[in-house]
Structure formats: structure tokens, C-alpha cells
Amino acid sequence: MPAIFFAAVYGGYFGGALGVILIAVLSLCTHDRLVRLNAKRLSSLQRYGALTGAKRILTSRTEAPPSG
């Protein structure tokens, strides 16, 4: 779903209200109950958080302190 992708980009950039935006996007795109939408939101947030954490670990540089 492209709408969830753009909501995740917004939440990643501004860092706030991603949960509210995802609930709104999911409620517009699907016709599930709020409990199921909240579960979908939490699972997608966990996936995006895991991917972001993995990216940060893989792309971060560690620098040794200067010796001397």
C-alpha cells in the first residue's frame, strides 16, 4: 500500500503522530474493526522499526579514539 509507505516516510521525517496517521490510513483503506486496525498498525511499526534499526547498524561507522 503506497499510503502506508508515505505515512511511514512522514513519521520517519517528523518523528511524531505516526500511529494516528496509520490508523487513519488503515481505516480509510480497509473496513476492519478498530482492534484489528490497531494490531496491523503495531505490526507495521515493529517492521519499520526493525528495518530502520538494521539499516542504522549496517551503515554506521565506528571510529577508534585517537591514540596517543
PDB file of N, CA and C in Angstrom:
ATOM      1  N   MET A   1       0.840  -1.178   0.000  1.00  0.00           N
ATOM      2  CA  MET A   1       0.000   0.000   0.000  1.00  0.00           C
ATOM      3  C   MET A   1       0.887   1.244   0.000  1.00  0.00           C
ATOM      4  N   PRO A   2       0.779   2.031  -1.023  1.00  0.00           N
ATOM      5  CA  PRO A   2       1.600   3.248  -1.081  1.00  0.00           C
ATOM      6  C   PRO A   2       1.262   4.246   0.029  1.00  0.00           C
ATOM      7  N   ALA A   3       0.028   4.261   0.483  1.00  0.00           N
ATOM      8  CA  ALA A   3      -0.358   5.229   1.516  1.00  0.00           C
ATOM      9  C   ALA A   3       0.376   4.943   2.826  1.00  0.00           C
ATOM     10  N   ILE A   4       0.561   3.665   3.154  1.00  0.00           N
ATOM     11  CA  ILE A   4       1.288   3.320   4.372  1.00  0.00           C
ATOM     12  C   ILE A   4       2.752   3.707   4.229  1.00  0.00           C
ATOM     13  N   PHE A   5       3.312   3.518   3.036  1.00  0.00           N
ATOM     14  CA  PHE A   5       4.701   3.914   2.795  1.00  0.00           C
ATOM     15  C   PHE A   5       4.870   5.412   3.019  1.00  0.00           C
ATOM     16  N   PHE A   6       3.982   6.226   2.451  1.00  0.00           N
ATOM     17  CA  PHE A   6       4.103   7.679   2.610  1.00  0.00           C
ATOM     18  C   PHE A   6       3.854   8.104   4.056  1.00  0.00           C
ATOM     19  N   ALA A   7       2.966   7.399   4.749  1.00  0.00           N
ATOM     20  CA  ALA A   7       2.759   7.689   6.172  1.00  0.00           C
ATOM     21  C   ALA A   7       4.013   7.370   6.965  1.00  0.00           C
ATOM     22  N   ALA A   8       4.690   6.275   6.610  1.00  0.00           N
ATOM     23  CA  ALA A   8       5.930   5.914   7.308  1.00  0.00           C
ATOM     24  C   ALA A   8       7.042   6.915   7.023  1.00  0.00           C
ATOM     25  N   VAL A   9       7.099   7.411   5.792  1.00  0.00           N
ATOM     26  CA  VAL A   9       8.106   8.429   5.466  1.00  0.00           C
ATOM     27  C   VAL A   9       7.834   9.695   6.270  1.00  0.00           C
ATOM     28  N   TYR A  10       6.582  10.097   6.343  1.00  0.00           N
ATOM     29  CA  TYR A  10       6.209  11.274   7.135  1.00  0.00           C
ATOM     30  C   TYR A  10       6.591  11.074   8.599  1.00  0.00           C
ATOM     31  N   GLY A  11       6.240   9.906   9.152  1.00  0.00           N
ATOM     32  CA  GLY A  11       6.549   9.636  10.554  1.00  0.00           C
ATOM     33  C   GLY A  11       8.040   9.559  10.808  1.00  0.00           C
ATOM     34  N   GLY A  12       8.797   9.031   9.836  1.00  0.00           N
ATOM     35  CA  GLY A  12      10.238   8.968   9.997  1.00  0.00           C
ATOM     36  C   GLY A  12      10.889  10.330   9.927  1.00  0.00           C
ATOM     37  N   TYR A  13      10.337  11.210   9.123  1.00  0.00           N
ATOM     38  CA  TYR A  13      10.920  12.542   8.974  1.00  0.00           C
ATOM     39  C   TYR A  13      10.585  13.442  10.158  1.00  0.00           C
ATOM     40  N   PHE A  14       9.317  13.473  10.528  1.00  0.00           N
ATOM     41  CA  PHE A  14       8.889  14.360  11.605  1.00  0.00           C
ATOM     42  C   PHE A  14       8.940  13.689  12.969  1.00  0.00           C
ATOM     43  N   GLY A  15       8.875  12.350  12.998  1.00  0.00           N
ATOM     44  CA  GLY A  15       9.023  11.621  14.249  1.00  0.00           C
ATOM     45  C   GLY A  15       7.837  11.691  15.183  1.00  0.00           C
ATOM     46  N   GLY A  16       6.691  12.060  14.719  1.00  0.00           N
ATOM     47  CA  GLY A  16       5.553  12.131  15.617  1.00  0.00           C
ATOM     48  C   GLY A  16       4.242  11.822  14.928  1.00  0.00           C
ATOM     49  N   ALA A  17       3.294  11.360  15.697  1.00  0.00           N
ATOM     50  CA  ALA A  17       1.920  11.105  15.272  1.00  0.00           C
ATOM     51  C   ALA A  17       1.811  10.034  14.202  1.00  0.00           C
ATOM     52  N   LEU A  18       2.803   9.156  14.089  1.00  0.00           N
ATOM     53  CA  LEU A  18       2.743   8.113  13.074  1.00  0.00           C
ATOM     54  C   LEU A  18       1.624   7.133  13.368  1.00  0.00           C
ATOM     55  N   GLY A  19       1.409   6.819  14.631  1.00  0.00           N
ATOM     56  CA  GLY A  19       0.340   5.889  14.984  1.00  0.00           C
ATOM     57  C   GLY A  19      -1.027   6.402  14.594  1.00  0.00           C
ATOM     58  N   VAL A  20      -1.273   7.659  14.833  1.00  0.00           N
ATOM     59  CA  VAL A  20      -2.561   8.255  14.476  1.00  0.00           C
ATOM     60  C   VAL A  20      -2.751   8.272  12.967  1.00  0.00           C
ATOM     61  N   ILE A  21      -1.692   8.604  12.244  1.00  0.00           N
ATOM     62  CA  ILE A  21      -1.777   8.649  10.785  1.00  0.00           C
ATOM     63  C   ILE A  21      -1.997   7.255  10.218  1.00  0.00           C
ATOM     64  N   LEU A  22      -1.306   6.247  10.767  1.00  0.00           N
ATOM     65  CA  LEU A  22      -1.504   4.891  10.270  1.00  0.00           C
ATOM     66  C   LEU A  22      -2.912   4.374  10.549  1.00  0.00           C
ATOM     67  N   ILE A  23      -3.464   4.685  11.713  1.00  0.00           N
ATOM     68  CA  ILE A  23      -4.850   4.283  11.998  1.00  0.00           C
ATOM     69  C   ILE A  23      -5.800   4.943  10.999  1.00  0.00           C
ATOM     70  N   ALA A  24      -5.568   6.218  10.689  1.00  0.00           N
ATOM     71  CA  ALA A  24      -6.432   6.916   9.734  1.00  0.00           C
ATOM     72  C   ALA A  24      -6.312   6.305   8.341  1.00  0.00           C
ATOM     73  N   VAL A  25      -5.093   6.021   7.901  1.00  0.00           N
ATOM     74  CA  VAL A  25      -4.889   5.435   6.568  1.00  0.00           C
ATOM     75  C   VAL A  25      -5.509   4.054   6.502  1.00  0.00           C
ATOM     76  N   LEU A  26      -5.278   3.226   7.523  1.00  0.00           N
ATOM     77  CA  LEU A  26      -5.848   1.882   7.519  1.00  0.00           C
ATOM     78  C   LEU A  26      -7.367   1.902   7.583  1.00  0.00           C
ATOM     79  N   SER A  27      -7.941   2.844   8.320  1.00  0.00           N
ATOM     80  CA  SER A  27      -9.402   2.903   8.393  1.00  0.00           C
ATOM     81  C   SER A  27     -10.016   3.357   7.076  1.00  0.00           C
ATOM     82  N   LEU A  28      -9.275   4.161   6.311  1.00  0.00           N
ATOM     83  CA  LEU A  28      -9.781   4.570   5.004  1.00  0.00           C
ATOM     84  C   LEU A  28      -9.634   3.467   3.959  1.00  0.00           C
ATOM     85  N   CYS A  29      -8.593   2.659   4.088  1.00  0.00           N
ATOM     86  CA  CYS A  29      -8.304   1.640   3.076  1.00  0.00           C
ATOM     87  C   CYS A  29      -8.985   0.308   3.348  1.00  0.00           C
ATOM     88  N   THR A  30      -9.275   0.001   4.588  1.00  0.00           N
ATOM     89  CA  THR A  30      -9.901  -1.271   4.934  1.00  0.00           C
ATOM     90  C   THR A  30     -11.171  -1.013   5.731  1.00  0.00           C
ATOM     91  N   HIS A  31     -11.928  -2.053   5.901  1.00  0.00           N
ATOM     92  CA  HIS A  31     -13.182  -1.925   6.653  1.00  0.00           C
ATOM     93  C   HIS A  31     -13.173  -2.885   7.832  1.00  0.00           C
ATOM     94  N   ASP A  32     -12.062  -2.883   8.582  1.00  0.00           N
ATOM     95  CA  ASP A  32     -11.939  -3.727   9.763  1.00  0.00           C
ATOM     96  C   ASP A  32     -12.339  -2.952  11.012  1.00  0.00           C
ATOM     97  N   ARG A  33     -12.424  -3.707  12.114  1.00  0.00           N
ATOM     98  CA  ARG A  33     -12.705  -3.070  13.393  1.00  0.00           C
ATOM     99  C   ARG A  33     -11.455  -2.363  13.889  1.00  0.00           C
ATOM    100  N   LEU A  34     -11.623  -1.467  14.817  1.00  0.00           N
ATOM    101  CA  LEU A  34     -10.520  -0.673  15.345  1.00  0.00           C
ATOM    102  C   LEU A  34      -9.469  -1.547  16.028  1.00  0.00           C
ATOM    103  N   VAL A  35      -9.891  -2.629  16.675  1.00  0.00           N
ATOM    104  CA  VAL A  35      -8.946  -3.515  17.354  1.00  0.00           C
ATOM    105  C   VAL A  35      -8.007  -4.156  16.329  1.00  0.00           C
ATOM    106  N   ARG A  36      -8.550  -4.620  15.207  1.00  0.00           N
ATOM    107  CA  ARG A  36      -7.713  -5.227  14.169  1.00  0.00           C
ATOM    108  C   ARG A  36      -6.820  -4.186  13.511  1.00  0.00           C
ATOM    109  N   LEU A  37      -7.339  -2.985  13.307  1.00  0.00           N
ATOM    110  CA  LEU A  37      -6.515  -1.924  12.720  1.00  0.00           C
ATOM    111  C   LEU A  37      -5.348  -1.574  13.628  1.00  0.00           C
ATOM    112  N   ASN A  38      -5.596  -1.548  14.929  1.00  0.00           N
ATOM    113  CA  ASN A  38      -4.525  -1.238  15.866  1.00  0.00           C
ATOM    114  C   ASN A  38      -3.458  -2.329  15.850  1.00  0.00           C
ATOM    115  N   ALA A  39      -3.871  -3.586  15.722  1.00  0.00           N
ATOM    116  CA  ALA A  39      -2.904  -4.685  15.640  1.00  0.00           C
ATOM    117  C   ALA A  39      -2.075  -4.580  14.362  1.00  0.00           C
ATOM    118  N   LYS A  40      -2.722  -4.234  13.253  1.00  0.00           N
ATOM    119  CA  LYS A  40      -1.987  -4.051  11.998  1.00  0.00           C
ATOM    120  C   LYS A  40      -1.006  -2.889  12.118  1.00  0.00           C
ATOM    121  N   ARG A  41      -1.429  -1.839  12.777  1.00  0.00           N
ATOM    122  CA  ARG A  41      -0.565  -0.674  12.961  1.00  0.00           C
ATOM    123  C   ARG A  41       0.660  -1.043  13.785  1.00  0.00           C
ATOM    124  N   LEU A  42       0.449  -1.772  14.866  1.00  0.00           N
ATOM    125  CA  LEU A  42       1.578  -2.152  15.719  1.00  0.00           C
ATOM    126  C   LEU A  42       2.553  -3.069  14.989  1.00  0.00           C
ATOM    127  N   SER A  43       2.027  -3.998  14.199  1.00  0.00           N
ATOM    128  CA  SER A  43       2.928  -4.898  13.477  1.00  0.00           C
ATOM    129  C   SER A  43       3.710  -4.148  12.409  1.00  0.00           C
ATOM    130  N   SER A  44       3.082  -3.193  11.745  1.00  0.00           N
ATOM    131  CA  SER A  44       3.818  -2.430  10.735  1.00  0.00           C
ATOM    132  C   SER A  44       4.851  -1.512  11.386  1.00  0.00           C
ATOM    133  N   LEU A  45       4.539  -0.953  12.546  1.00  0.00           N
ATOM    134  CA  LEU A  45       5.526  -0.128  13.248  1.00  0.00           C
ATOM    135  C   LEU A  45       6.720  -0.956  13.697  1.00  0.00           C
ATOM    136  N   GLN A  46       6.469  -2.194  14.121  1.00  0.00           N
ATOM    137  CA  GLN A  46       7.575  -3.063  14.521  1.00  0.00           C
ATOM    138  C   GLN A  46       8.458  -3.404  13.327  1.00  0.00           C
ATOM    139  N   ARG A  47       7.830  -3.675  12.182  1.00  0.00           N
ATOM    140  CA  ARG A  47       8.613  -3.985  10.981  1.00  0.00           C
ATOM    141  C   ARG A  47       9.459  -2.796  10.558  1.00  0.00           C
ATOM    142  N   TYR A  48       8.863  -1.621  10.515  1.00  0.00           N
ATOM    143  CA  TYR A  48       9.612  -0.438  10.104  1.00  0.00           C
ATOM    144  C   TYR A  48      10.717  -0.108  11.109  1.00  0.00           C
ATOM    145  N   GLY A  49      10.443  -0.309  12.384  1.00  0.00           N
ATOM    146  CA  GLY A  49      11.465  -0.073  13.399  1.00  0.00           C
ATOM    147  C   GLY A  49      12.630  -1.044  13.273  1.00  0.00           C
ATOM    148  N   ALA A  50      12.322  -2.309  12.994  1.00  0.00           N
ATOM    149  CA  ALA A  50      13.382  -3.302  12.823  1.00  0.00           C
ATOM    150  C   ALA A  50      14.219  -2.995  11.585  1.00  0.00           C
ATOM    151  N   LEU A  51      13.554  -2.603  10.502  1.00  0.00           N
ATOM    152  CA  LEU A  51      14.296  -2.267   9.280  1.00  0.00           C
ATOM    153  C   LEU A  51      15.170  -1.033   9.486  1.00  0.00           C
ATOM    154  N   THR A  52      14.645  -0.051  10.176  1.00  0.00           N
ATOM    155  CA  THR A  52      15.415   1.160  10.434  1.00  0.00           C
ATOM    156  C   THR A  52      16.610   0.867  11.330  1.00  0.00           C
ATOM    157  N   GLY A  53      16.390   0.057  12.343  1.00  0.00           N
ATOM    158  CA  GLY A  53      17.492  -0.311  13.232  1.00  0.00           C
ATOM    159  C   GLY A  53      18.571  -1.109  12.507  1.00  0.00           C
ATOM    160  N   ALA A  54      18.150  -2.042  11.661  1.00  0.00           N
ATOM    161  CA  ALA A  54      19.121  -2.824  10.898  1.00  0.00           C
ATOM    162  C   ALA A  54      19.912  -1.941   9.944  1.00  0.00           C
ATOM    163  N   LYS A  55      19.237  -0.997   9.322  1.00  0.00           N
ATOM    164  CA  LYS A  55      19.929  -0.088   8.406  1.00  0.00           C
ATOM    165  C   LYS A  55      20.951   0.757   9.161  1.00  0.00           C
ATOM    166  N   ARG A  56      20.563   1.233  10.323  1.00  0.00           N
ATOM    167  CA  ARG A  56      21.481   2.070  11.105  1.00  0.00           C
ATOM    168  C   ARG A  56      22.705   1.273  11.558  1.00  0.00           C
ATOM    169  N   ILE A  57      22.482   0.025  11.956  1.00  0.00           N
ATOM    170  CA  ILE A  57      23.605  -0.808  12.385  1.00  0.00           C
ATOM    171  C   ILE A  57      24.536  -1.102  11.213  1.00  0.00           C
ATOM    172  N   LEU A  58      23.953  -1.407  10.059  1.00  0.00           N
ATOM    173  CA  LEU A  58      24.770  -1.777   8.910  1.00  0.00           C
ATOM    174  C   LEU A  58      25.501  -0.595   8.280  1.00  0.00           C
ATOM    175  N   THR A  59      24.968   0.594   8.405  1.00  0.00           N
ATOM    176  CA  THR A  59      25.582   1.741   7.735  1.00  0.00           C
ATOM    177  C   THR A  59      26.347   2.660   8.674  1.00  0.00           C
ATOM    178  N   SER A  60      26.340   2.377   9.968  1.00  0.00           N
ATOM    179  CA  SER A  60      27.049   3.267  10.893  1.00  0.00           C
ATOM    180  C   SER A  60      28.538   2.956  10.876  1.00  0.00           C
ATOM    181  N   ARG A  61      29.282   3.957  11.120  1.00  0.00           N
ATOM    182  CA  ARG A  61      30.744   3.818  11.188  1.00  0.00           C
ATOM    183  C   ARG A  61      31.177   3.952  12.636  1.00  0.00           C
ATOM    184  N   THR A  62      32.085   3.121  13.010  1.00  0.00           N
ATOM    185  CA  THR A  62      32.658   3.264  14.337  1.00  0.00           C
ATOM    186  C   THR A  62      34.085   3.748  14.178  1.00  0.00           C
ATOM    187  N   GLU A  63      34.402   4.757  14.917  1.00  0.00           N
ATOM    188  CA  GLU A  63      35.735   5.339  14.838  1.00  0.00           C
ATOM    189  C   GLU A  63      36.476   5.080  16.138  1.00  0.00           C
ATOM    190  N   ALA A  64      37.709   4.667  16.018  1.00  0.00           N
ATOM    191  CA  ALA A  64      38.534   4.424  17.191  1.00  0.00           C
ATOM    192  C   ALA A  64      38.985   5.768  17.750  1.00  0.00           C
ATOM    193  N   PRO A  65      39.072   5.861  19.066  1.00  0.00           N
ATOM    194  CA  PRO A  65      39.567   7.121  19.654  1.00  0.00           C
ATOM    195  C   PRO A  65      41.037   7.325  19.276  1.00  0.00           C
ATOM    196  N   PRO A  66      41.435   8.546  19.188  1.00  0.00           N
ATOM    197  CA  PRO A  66      42.837   8.791  18.817  1.00  0.00           C
ATOM    198  C   PRO A  66      43.788   8.235  19.876  1.00  0.00           C
ATOM    199  N   SER A  67      44.817   7.599  19.425  1.00  0.00           N
ATOM    200  CA  SER A  67      45.798   7.056  20.365  1.00  0.00           C
ATOM    201  C   SER A  67      46.883   8.095  20.619  1.00  0.00           C
ATOM    202  N   GLY A  68      47.338   8.091  21.798  1.00  0.00           N
ATOM    203  CA  GLY A  68      48.441   8.966  21.931  1.00  0.00           C
ATOM    204  C   GLY A  68      48.619   9.700  23.144  1.00  0.00           C
TER     205      GLY A  68
END
